[in-house]
Amino acid sequence: MDRLKRITTYRGHAQFLASLERYGIGTIPRQPDIPSPYAYSDTHAVHVWKHSQIIIVETAHRRYDVFGVPPGVTVTPFDAEIGD
Protein backbone atom coordinates (compact mmCIF):
# COMPACT_ATOMS: atom_id res chain seq x y z
CA MET A 1 0.00 0.00 0.00
CA ASP A 2 1.21 3.47 -0.83
CA ARG A 3 1.32 6.10 1.90
CA LEU A 4 -0.50 9.23 0.72
CA LYS A 5 -0.11 11.47 3.74
CA ARG A 6 1.40 11.63 7.24
CA ILE A 7 -0.35 13.55 10.01
CA THR A 8 1.59 14.35 13.19
CA THR A 9 -0.85 16.33 15.36
CA TYR A 10 -4.18 15.62 17.01
CA ARG A 11 -5.59 18.77 15.43
CA GLY A 12 -4.37 17.73 11.99
CA HIS A 13 -5.93 14.31 12.48
CA ALA A 14 -9.27 15.85 13.45
CA GLN A 15 -9.17 18.24 10.49
CA PHE A 16 -8.36 15.37 8.15
CA LEU A 17 -11.28 13.32 9.47
CA ALA A 18 -13.55 16.33 8.88
CA SER A 19 -12.34 16.51 5.27
CA LEU A 20 -13.34 12.92 4.42
CA GLU A 21 -16.10 12.52 1.85
CA ARG A 22 -17.40 9.37 3.53
CA TYR A 23 -16.38 7.96 6.89
CA GLY A 24 -16.41 4.21 7.49
CA ILE A 25 -17.70 2.54 4.34
CA GLY A 26 -16.36 -0.90 5.25
CA THR A 27 -13.28 -2.87 6.23
CA ILE A 28 -10.29 -4.66 4.80
CA PRO A 29 -8.09 -7.25 6.53
CA ARG A 30 -5.29 -5.84 8.69
CA GLN A 31 -2.16 -5.28 6.64
CA PRO A 32 0.76 -7.08 8.32
CA ASP A 33 3.33 -4.85 6.59
CA ILE A 34 1.92 -1.69 8.27
CA PRO A 35 2.96 -1.58 11.94
CA SER A 36 0.37 -0.29 14.39
CA PRO A 37 1.27 -0.55 18.08
CA TYR A 38 -2.19 0.59 19.26
CA ALA A 39 -4.46 -1.55 17.05
CA TYR A 40 -5.89 -4.91 18.09
CA SER A 41 -8.59 -5.40 15.46
CA ASP A 42 -8.22 -7.87 12.59
CA THR A 43 -9.41 -5.20 10.16
CA HIS A 44 -8.83 -1.61 9.02
CA ALA A 45 -11.77 0.76 8.52
CA VAL A 46 -12.00 2.12 4.97
CA HIS A 47 -12.96 5.74 4.25
CA VAL A 48 -13.31 7.88 1.10
CA TRP A 49 -11.04 10.89 0.58
CA LYS A 50 -10.70 12.75 -2.73
CA HIS A 51 -12.76 10.02 -4.46
CA SER A 52 -10.29 7.32 -3.33
CA GLN A 53 -10.60 4.58 -0.74
CA ILE A 54 -8.13 4.99 2.13
CA ILE A 55 -7.24 3.64 5.56
CA ILE A 56 -5.79 5.64 8.45
CA VAL A 57 -3.28 3.88 10.71
CA GLU A 58 -1.60 5.27 13.83
CA THR A 59 1.87 3.88 13.17
CA ALA A 60 3.52 5.52 16.19
CA HIS A 61 2.46 7.82 19.00
CA ARG A 62 0.55 10.72 17.42
CA ARG A 63 1.69 9.76 13.91
CA TYR A 64 -1.17 8.89 11.58
CA ASP A 65 -0.39 7.55 8.12
CA VAL A 66 -2.99 7.59 5.36
CA PHE A 67 -2.72 4.73 2.86
CA GLY A 68 -4.54 4.27 -0.43
CA VAL A 69 -6.44 1.00 -0.81
CA PRO A 70 -5.29 -0.69 -4.05
CA PRO A 71 -8.03 -1.49 -6.60
CA GLY A 72 -7.60 -5.27 -6.17
CA VAL A 73 -8.39 -5.27 -2.42
CA THR A 74 -11.98 -6.22 -1.59
CA VAL A 75 -13.74 -3.90 0.84
CA THR A 76 -16.33 -5.64 3.02
CA PRO A 77 -19.23 -3.24 3.65
CA PHE A 78 -20.18 -2.77 7.32
CA ASP A 79 -23.73 -3.95 6.55
CA ALA A 80 -22.36 -7.33 5.42
CA GLU A 81 -20.68 -7.85 8.80
CA ILE A 82 -23.86 -7.50 10.84
CA GLY A 83 -25.18 -10.92 11.78
CA ASP A 84 -22.02 -12.81 10.81
PDB file of N, CA and C in Angstrom:
ATOM      1  N   MET A   1       0.841  -1.183   0.000  1.00  0.00           N
ATOM      2  CA  MET A   1       0.000   0.000   0.000  1.00  0.00           C
ATOM      3  C   MET A   1       0.882   1.241   0.000  1.00  0.00           C
ATOM      4  N   ASP A   2       0.457   2.224  -0.744  1.00  0.00           N
ATOM      5  CA  ASP A   2       1.208   3.471  -0.828  1.00  0.00           C
ATOM      6  C   ASP A   2       0.726   4.463   0.219  1.00  0.00           C
ATOM      7  N   ARG A   3       1.679   5.069   0.931  1.00  0.00           N
ATOM      8  CA  ARG A   3       1.323   6.104   1.899  1.00  0.00           C
ATOM      9  C   ARG A   3       1.053   7.397   1.132  1.00  0.00           C
ATOM     10  N   LEU A   4      -0.104   7.999   1.399  1.00  0.00           N
ATOM     11  CA  LEU A   4      -0.499   9.228   0.718  1.00  0.00           C
ATOM     12  C   LEU A   4      -0.211  10.465   1.545  1.00  0.00           C
ATOM     13  N   LYS A   5      -0.225  10.306   2.864  1.00  0.00           N
ATOM     14  CA  LYS A   5      -0.113  11.467   3.738  1.00  0.00           C
ATOM     15  C   LYS A   5       0.314  11.004   5.125  1.00  0.00           C
ATOM     16  N   ARG A   6       1.049  11.879   5.835  1.00  0.00           N
ATOM     17  CA  ARG A   6       1.397  11.627   7.235  1.00  0.00           C
ATOM     18  C   ARG A   6       0.906  12.817   8.048  1.00  0.00           C
ATOM     19  N   ILE A   7       0.205  12.521   9.137  1.00  0.00           N
ATOM     20  CA  ILE A   7      -0.347  13.550  10.013  1.00  0.00           C
ATOM     21  C   ILE A   7       0.308  13.376  11.378  1.00  0.00           C
ATOM     22  N   THR A   8       0.816  14.474  11.953  1.00  0.00           N
ATOM     23  CA  THR A   8       1.589  14.348  13.192  1.00  0.00           C
ATOM     24  C   THR A   8       1.003  15.125  14.365  1.00  0.00           C
ATOM     25  N   THR A   9      -0.221  15.613  14.247  1.00  0.00           N
ATOM     26  CA  THR A   9      -0.848  16.328  15.363  1.00  0.00           C
ATOM     27  C   THR A   9      -2.277  15.845  15.539  1.00  0.00           C
ATOM     28  N   TYR A  10      -2.788  15.986  16.759  1.00  0.00           N
ATOM     29  CA  TYR A  10      -4.181  15.624  17.008  1.00  0.00           C
ATOM     30  C   TYR A  10      -5.113  16.545  16.221  1.00  0.00           C
ATOM     31  N   ARG A  11      -4.773  17.819  16.172  1.00  0.00           N
ATOM     32  CA  ARG A  11      -5.592  18.773  15.430  1.00  0.00           C
ATOM     33  C   ARG A  11      -5.614  18.429  13.942  1.00  0.00           C
ATOM     34  N   GLY A  12      -4.440  18.119  13.396  1.00  0.00           N
ATOM     35  CA  GLY A  12      -4.367  17.733  11.994  1.00  0.00           C
ATOM     36  C   GLY A  12      -5.177  16.485  11.705  1.00  0.00           C
ATOM     37  N   HIS A  13      -5.146  15.533  12.635  1.00  0.00           N
ATOM     38  CA  HIS A  13      -5.925  14.308  12.477  1.00  0.00           C
ATOM     39  C   HIS A  13      -7.418  14.625  12.473  1.00  0.00           C
ATOM     40  N   ALA A  14      -7.861  15.472  13.384  1.00  0.00           N
ATOM     41  CA  ALA A  14      -9.272  15.855  13.446  1.00  0.00           C
ATOM     42  C   ALA A  14      -9.688  16.608  12.183  1.00  0.00           C
ATOM     43  N   GLN A  15      -8.851  17.506  11.705  1.00  0.00           N
ATOM     44  CA  GLN A  15      -9.171  18.243  10.485  1.00  0.00           C
ATOM     45  C   GLN A  15      -9.225  17.312   9.281  1.00  0.00           C
ATOM     46  N   PHE A  16      -8.340  16.332   9.248  1.00  0.00           N
ATOM     47  CA  PHE A  16      -8.363  15.370   8.146  1.00  0.00           C
ATOM     48  C   PHE A  16      -9.651  14.550   8.177  1.00  0.00           C
ATOM     49  N   LEU A  17     -10.040  14.086   9.367  1.00  0.00           N
ATOM     50  CA  LEU A  17     -11.284  13.321   9.472  1.00  0.00           C
ATOM     51  C   LEU A  17     -12.476  14.154   9.005  1.00  0.00           C
ATOM     52  N   ALA A  18     -12.461  15.452   9.312  1.00  0.00           N
ATOM     53  CA  ALA A  18     -13.551  16.331   8.884  1.00  0.00           C
ATOM     54  C   ALA A  18     -13.559  16.521   7.369  1.00  0.00           C
ATOM     55  N   SER A  19     -12.413  16.313   6.715  1.00  0.00           N
ATOM     56  CA  SER A  19     -12.340  16.508   5.266  1.00  0.00           C
ATOM     57  C   SER A  19     -12.733  15.264   4.466  1.00  0.00           C
ATOM     58  N   LEU A  20     -12.982  14.144   5.136  1.00  0.00           N
ATOM     59  CA  LEU A  20     -13.342  12.918   4.424  1.00  0.00           C
ATOM     60  C   LEU A  20     -14.701  13.070   3.747  1.00  0.00           C
ATOM     61  N   GLU A  21     -14.816  12.516   2.544  1.00  0.00           N
ATOM     62  CA  GLU A  21     -16.098  12.521   1.846  1.00  0.00           C
ATOM     63  C   GLU A  21     -17.079  11.554   2.503  1.00  0.00           C
ATOM     64  N   ARG A  22     -16.575  10.377   2.843  1.00  0.00           N
ATOM     65  CA  ARG A  22     -17.397   9.371   3.531  1.00  0.00           C
ATOM     66  C   ARG A  22     -16.533   8.726   4.590  1.00  0.00           C
ATOM     67  N   TYR A  23     -17.113   8.528   5.766  1.00  0.00           N
ATOM     68  CA  TYR A  23     -16.384   7.960   6.888  1.00  0.00           C
ATOM     69  C   TYR A  23     -16.914   6.561   7.151  1.00  0.00           C
ATOM     70  N   GLY A  24     -16.036   5.573   7.132  1.00  0.00           N
ATOM     71  CA  GLY A  24     -16.413   4.212   7.490  1.00  0.00           C
ATOM     72  C   GLY A  24     -17.352   3.538   6.517  1.00  0.00           C
ATOM     73  N   ILE A  25     -16.852   3.215   5.323  1.00  0.00           N
ATOM     74  CA  ILE A  25     -17.705   2.537   4.343  1.00  0.00           C
ATOM     75  C   ILE A  25     -17.595   1.024   4.440  1.00  0.00           C
ATOM     76  N   GLY A  26     -16.552   0.538   5.111  1.00  0.00           N
ATOM     77  CA  GLY A  26     -16.360  -0.899   5.245  1.00  0.00           C
ATOM     78  C   GLY A  26     -15.008  -1.206   5.861  1.00  0.00           C
ATOM     79  N   THR A  27     -14.558  -2.441   5.658  1.00  0.00           N
ATOM     80  CA  THR A  27     -13.283  -2.867   6.233  1.00  0.00           C
ATOM     81  C   THR A  27     -12.481  -3.681   5.229  1.00  0.00           C
ATOM     82  N   ILE A  28     -11.187  -3.748   5.496  1.00  0.00           N
ATOM     83  CA  ILE A  28     -10.290  -4.663   4.797  1.00  0.00           C
ATOM     84  C   ILE A  28      -9.485  -5.394   5.863  1.00  0.00           C
ATOM     85  N   PRO A  29      -8.911  -6.543   5.536  1.00  0.00           N
ATOM     86  CA  PRO A  29      -8.087  -7.249   6.528  1.00  0.00           C
ATOM     87  C   PRO A  29      -6.888  -6.402   6.943  1.00  0.00           C
ATOM     88  N   ARG A  30      -6.454  -6.562   8.186  1.00  0.00           N
ATOM     89  CA  ARG A  30      -5.290  -5.837   8.686  1.00  0.00           C
ATOM     90  C   ARG A  30      -4.086  -6.162   7.809  1.00  0.00           C
ATOM     91  N   GLN A  31      -3.332  -5.141   7.495  1.00  0.00           N
ATOM     92  CA  GLN A  31      -2.156  -5.282   6.639  1.00  0.00           C
ATOM     93  C   GLN A  31      -0.934  -5.548   7.515  1.00  0.00           C
ATOM     94  N   PRO A  32      -0.350  -6.740   7.434  1.00  0.00           N
ATOM     95  CA  PRO A  32       0.762  -7.082   8.320  1.00  0.00           C
ATOM     96  C   PRO A  32       2.015  -6.245   8.070  1.00  0.00           C
ATOM     97  N   ASP A  33       2.143  -5.641   6.886  1.00  0.00           N
ATOM     98  CA  ASP A  33       3.334  -4.849   6.592  1.00  0.00           C
ATOM     99  C   ASP A  33       3.231  -3.403   7.087  1.00  0.00           C
ATOM    100  N   ILE A  34       2.084  -3.028   7.690  1.00  0.00           N
ATOM    101  CA  ILE A  34       1.919  -1.692   8.265  1.00  0.00           C
ATOM    102  C   ILE A  34       1.879  -1.834   9.785  1.00  0.00           C
ATOM    103  N   PRO A  35       2.938  -1.424  10.480  1.00  0.00           N
ATOM    104  CA  PRO A  35       2.960  -1.578  11.938  1.00  0.00           C
ATOM    105  C   PRO A  35       1.973  -0.621  12.613  1.00  0.00           C
ATOM    106  N   SER A  36       1.307  -1.117  13.639  1.00  0.00           N
ATOM    107  CA  SER A  36       0.367  -0.290  14.390  1.00  0.00           C
ATOM    108  C   SER A  36       0.364  -0.758  15.841  1.00  0.00           C
ATOM    109  N   PRO A  37       1.138  -0.089  16.703  1.00  0.00           N
ATOM    110  CA  PRO A  37       1.267  -0.552  18.083  1.00  0.00           C
ATOM    111  C   PRO A  37      -0.004  -0.414  18.918  1.00  0.00           C
ATOM    112  N   TYR A  38      -0.997   0.358  18.459  1.00  0.00           N
ATOM    113  CA  TYR A  38      -2.195   0.592  19.262  1.00  0.00           C
ATOM    114  C   TYR A  38      -3.425  -0.130  18.723  1.00  0.00           C
ATOM    115  N   ALA A  39      -3.304  -0.916  17.679  1.00  0.00           N
ATOM    116  CA  ALA A  39      -4.459  -1.553  17.049  1.00  0.00           C
ATOM    117  C   ALA A  39      -4.521  -3.035  17.411  1.00  0.00           C
ATOM    118  N   TYR A  40      -5.705  -3.496  17.731  1.00  0.00           N
ATOM    119  CA  TYR A  40      -5.888  -4.906  18.091  1.00  0.00           C
ATOM    120  C   TYR A  40      -6.931  -5.587  17.216  1.00  0.00           C
ATOM    121  N   SER A  41      -7.567  -4.854  16.337  1.00  0.00           N
ATOM    122  CA  SER A  41      -8.587  -5.401  15.457  1.00  0.00           C
ATOM    123  C   SER A  41      -7.938  -6.193  14.323  1.00  0.00           C
ATOM    124  N   ASP A  42      -8.701  -7.104  13.747  1.00  0.00           N
ATOM    125  CA  ASP A  42      -8.219  -7.866  12.594  1.00  0.00           C
ATOM    126  C   ASP A  42      -8.453  -7.122  11.289  1.00  0.00           C
ATOM    127  N   THR A  43      -9.066  -5.936  11.370  1.00  0.00           N
ATOM    128  CA  THR A  43      -9.414  -5.197  10.160  1.00  0.00           C
ATOM    129  C   THR A  43      -9.028  -3.722  10.275  1.00  0.00           C
ATOM    130  N   HIS A  44      -8.987  -3.067   9.118  1.00  0.00           N
ATOM    131  CA  HIS A  44      -8.828  -1.612   9.024  1.00  0.00           C
ATOM    132  C   HIS A  44     -10.142  -1.046   8.511  1.00  0.00           C
ATOM    133  N   ALA A  45     -10.588   0.083   9.044  1.00  0.00           N
ATOM    134  CA  ALA A  45     -11.770   0.764   8.519  1.00  0.00           C
ATOM    135  C   ALA A  45     -11.379   1.518   7.247  1.00  0.00           C
ATOM    136  N   VAL A  46     -12.242   1.464   6.258  1.00  0.00           N
ATOM    137  CA  VAL A  46     -12.002   2.120   4.973  1.00  0.00           C
ATOM    138  C   VAL A  46     -12.873   3.364   4.887  1.00  0.00           C
ATOM    139  N   HIS A  47     -12.274   4.456   4.406  1.00  0.00           N
ATOM    140  CA  HIS A  47     -12.962   5.735   4.251  1.00  0.00           C
ATOM    141  C   HIS A  47     -12.774   6.213   2.809  1.00  0.00           C
ATOM    142  N   VAL A  48     -13.475   7.288   2.439  1.00  0.00           N
ATOM    143  CA  VAL A  48     -13.311   7.876   1.103  1.00  0.00           C
ATOM    144  C   VAL A  48     -12.784   9.290   1.259  1.00  0.00           C
ATOM    145  N   TRP A  49     -11.670   9.576   0.556  1.00  0.00           N
ATOM    146  CA  TRP A  49     -11.041  10.891   0.576  1.00  0.00           C
ATOM    147  C   TRP A  49     -10.593  11.208  -0.841  1.00  0.00           C
ATOM    148  N   LYS A  50     -11.026  12.333  -1.366  1.00  0.00           N
ATOM    149  CA  LYS A  50     -10.702  12.746  -2.734  1.00  0.00           C
ATOM    150  C   LYS A  50     -11.055  11.651  -3.735  1.00  0.00           C
ATOM    151  N   HIS A  51     -12.215  11.067  -3.580  1.00  0.00           N
ATOM    152  CA  HIS A  51     -12.761  10.025  -4.461  1.00  0.00           C
ATOM    153  C   HIS A  51     -11.939   8.732  -4.446  1.00  0.00           C
ATOM    154  N   SER A  52     -11.096   8.531  -3.448  1.00  0.00           N
ATOM    155  CA  SER A  52     -10.291   7.317  -3.327  1.00  0.00           C
ATOM    156  C   SER A  52     -10.555   6.645  -1.993  1.00  0.00           C
ATOM    157  N   GLN A  53     -10.457   5.319  -1.987  1.00  0.00           N
ATOM    158  CA  GLN A  53     -10.605   4.578  -0.737  1.00  0.00           C
ATOM    159  C   GLN A  53      -9.277   4.602   0.003  1.00  0.00           C
ATOM    160  N   ILE A  54      -9.343   4.875   1.310  1.00  0.00           N
ATOM    161  CA  ILE A  54      -8.132   4.992   2.132  1.00  0.00           C
ATOM    162  C   ILE A  54      -8.335   4.301   3.469  1.00  0.00           C
ATOM    163  N   ILE A  55      -7.215   4.047   4.151  1.00  0.00           N
ATOM    164  CA  ILE A  55      -7.240   3.639   5.560  1.00  0.00           C
ATOM    165  C   ILE A  55      -6.328   4.598   6.311  1.00  0.00           C
ATOM    166  N   ILE A  56      -6.604   4.792   7.595  1.00  0.00           N
ATOM    167  CA  ILE A  56      -5.787   5.640   8.448  1.00  0.00           C
ATOM    168  C   ILE A  56      -5.241   4.766   9.566  1.00  0.00           C
ATOM    169  N   VAL A  57      -3.922   4.753   9.718  1.00  0.00           N
ATOM    170  CA  VAL A  57      -3.284   3.885  10.706  1.00  0.00           C
ATOM    171  C   VAL A  57      -2.369   4.734  11.592  1.00  0.00           C
ATOM    172  N   GLU A  58      -2.529   4.614  12.909  1.00  0.00           N
ATOM    173  CA  GLU A  58      -1.600   5.271  13.825  1.00  0.00           C
ATOM    174  C   GLU A  58      -0.378   4.366  13.946  1.00  0.00           C
ATOM    175  N   THR A  59       0.688   4.733  13.250  1.00  0.00           N
ATOM    176  CA  THR A  59       1.873   3.881  13.169  1.00  0.00           C
ATOM    177  C   THR A  59       2.854   4.109  14.305  1.00  0.00           C
ATOM    178  N   ALA A  60       2.722   5.203  15.011  1.00  0.00           N
ATOM    179  CA  ALA A  60       3.519   5.519  16.195  1.00  0.00           C
ATOM    180  C   ALA A  60       2.719   6.537  16.994  1.00  0.00           C
ATOM    181  N   HIS A  61       3.202   6.871  18.170  1.00  0.00           N
ATOM    182  CA  HIS A  61       2.464   7.822  19.001  1.00  0.00           C
ATOM    183  C   HIS A  61       2.242   9.125  18.246  1.00  0.00           C
ATOM    184  N   ARG A  62       0.977   9.489  18.068  1.00  0.00           N
ATOM    185  CA  ARG A  62       0.551  10.719  17.422  1.00  0.00           C
ATOM    186  C   ARG A  62       1.100  10.855  15.993  1.00  0.00           C
ATOM    187  N   ARG A  63       1.269   9.744  15.314  1.00  0.00           N
ATOM    188  CA  ARG A  63       1.685   9.758  13.907  1.00  0.00           C
ATOM    189  C   ARG A  63       0.696   8.898  13.132  1.00  0.00           C
ATOM    190  N   TYR A  64      -0.132   9.559  12.350  1.00  0.00           N
ATOM    191  CA  TYR A  64      -1.172   8.890  11.579  1.00  0.00           C
ATOM    192  C   TYR A  64      -0.759   8.866  10.118  1.00  0.00           C
ATOM    193  N   ASP A  65      -0.708   7.686   9.530  1.00  0.00           N
ATOM    194  CA  ASP A  65      -0.386   7.548   8.118  1.00  0.00           C
ATOM    195  C   ASP A  65      -1.651   7.171   7.357  1.00  0.00           C
ATOM    196  N   VAL A  66      -1.831   7.826   6.223  1.00  0.00           N
ATOM    197  CA  VAL A  66      -2.986   7.587   5.362  1.00  0.00           C
ATOM    198  C   VAL A  66      -2.487   6.779   4.173  1.00  0.00           C
ATOM    199  N   PHE A  67      -3.110   5.628   3.940  1.00  0.00           N
ATOM    200  CA  PHE A  67      -2.717   4.735   2.855  1.00  0.00           C
ATOM    201  C   PHE A  67      -3.871   4.579   1.875  1.00  0.00           C
ATOM    202  N   GLY A  68      -3.537   4.545   0.585  1.00  0.00           N
ATOM    203  CA  GLY A  68      -4.538   4.270  -0.434  1.00  0.00           C
ATOM    204  C   GLY A  68      -4.802   2.780  -0.518  1.00  0.00           C
ATOM    205  N   VAL A  69      -6.064   2.413  -0.662  1.00  0.00           N
ATOM    206  CA  VAL A  69      -6.435   1.005  -0.807  1.00  0.00           C
ATOM    207  C   VAL A  69      -6.310   0.646  -2.295  1.00  0.00           C
ATOM    208  N   PRO A  70      -5.456  -0.314  -2.641  1.00  0.00           N
ATOM    209  CA  PRO A  70      -5.294  -0.687  -4.051  1.00  0.00           C
ATOM    210  C   PRO A  70      -6.593  -1.219  -4.643  1.00  0.00           C
ATOM    211  N   PRO A  71      -6.789  -1.059  -5.952  1.00  0.00           N
ATOM    212  CA  PRO A  71      -8.027  -1.495  -6.601  1.00  0.00           C
ATOM    213  C   PRO A  71      -8.348  -2.978  -6.415  1.00  0.00           C
ATOM    214  N   GLY A  72      -7.353  -3.842  -6.282  1.00  0.00           N
ATOM    215  CA  GLY A  72      -7.605  -5.274  -6.166  1.00  0.00           C
ATOM    216  C   GLY A  72      -8.058  -5.750  -4.796  1.00  0.00           C
ATOM    217  N   VAL A  73      -8.026  -4.881  -3.783  1.00  0.00           N
ATOM    218  CA  VAL A  73      -8.388  -5.270  -2.421  1.00  0.00           C
ATOM    219  C   VAL A  73      -9.898  -5.143  -2.248  1.00  0.00           C
ATOM    220  N   THR A  74     -10.536  -6.211  -1.780  1.00  0.00           N
ATOM    221  CA  THR A  74     -11.980  -6.222  -1.590  1.00  0.00           C
ATOM    222  C   THR A  74     -12.352  -5.571  -0.265  1.00  0.00           C
ATOM    223  N   VAL A  75     -13.233  -4.583  -0.347  1.00  0.00           N
ATOM    224  CA  VAL A  75     -13.740  -3.899   0.845  1.00  0.00           C
ATOM    225  C   VAL A  75     -15.044  -4.559   1.252  1.00  0.00           C
ATOM    226  N   THR A  76     -15.110  -5.038   2.485  1.00  0.00           N
ATOM    227  CA  THR A  76     -16.334  -5.643   3.017  1.00  0.00           C
ATOM    228  C   THR A  76     -17.184  -4.542   3.636  1.00  0.00           C
ATOM    229  N   PRO A  77     -18.373  -4.286   3.084  1.00  0.00           N
ATOM    230  CA  PRO A  77     -19.228  -3.239   3.655  1.00  0.00           C
ATOM    231  C   PRO A  77     -19.614  -3.575   5.102  1.00  0.00           C
ATOM    232  N   PHE A  78     -19.791  -2.548   5.924  1.00  0.00           N
ATOM    233  CA  PHE A  78     -20.182  -2.770   7.316  1.00  0.00           C
ATOM    234  C   PHE A  78     -21.505  -3.526   7.412  1.00  0.00           C
ATOM    235  N   ASP A  79     -22.430  -3.264   6.519  1.00  0.00           N
ATOM    236  CA  ASP A  79     -23.729  -3.952   6.552  1.00  0.00           C
ATOM    237  C   ASP A  79     -23.574  -5.459   6.401  1.00  0.00           C
ATOM    238  N   ALA A  80     -22.586  -5.898   5.631  1.00  0.00           N
ATOM    239  CA  ALA A  80     -22.363  -7.333   5.421  1.00  0.00           C
ATOM    240  C   ALA A  80     -21.844  -8.008   6.679  1.00  0.00           C
ATOM    241  N   GLU A  81     -21.253  -7.256   7.589  1.00  0.00           N
ATOM    242  CA  GLU A  81     -20.679  -7.846   8.796  1.00  0.00           C
ATOM    243  C   GLU A  81     -21.712  -8.064   9.885  1.00  0.00           C
ATOM    244  N   ILE A  82     -22.820  -7.369   9.819  1.00  0.00           N
ATOM    245  CA  ILE A  82     -23.863  -7.504  10.841  1.00  0.00           C
ATOM    246  C   ILE A  82     -24.512  -8.878  10.705  1.00  0.00           C
ATOM    247  N   GLY A  83     -24.560  -9.599  11.790  1.00  0.00           N
ATOM    248  CA  GLY A  83     -25.181 -10.922  11.782  1.00  0.00           C
ATOM    249  C   GLY A  83     -24.223 -12.045  11.459  1.00  0.00           C
ATOM    250  N   ASP A  84     -22.995 -11.745  11.099  1.00  0.00           N
ATOM    251  CA  ASP A  84     -22.019 -12.815  10.813  1.00  0.00           C
ATOM    252  C   ASP A  84     -21.472 -13.383  12.094  1.00  0.00           C
TER     253      ASP A  84
END
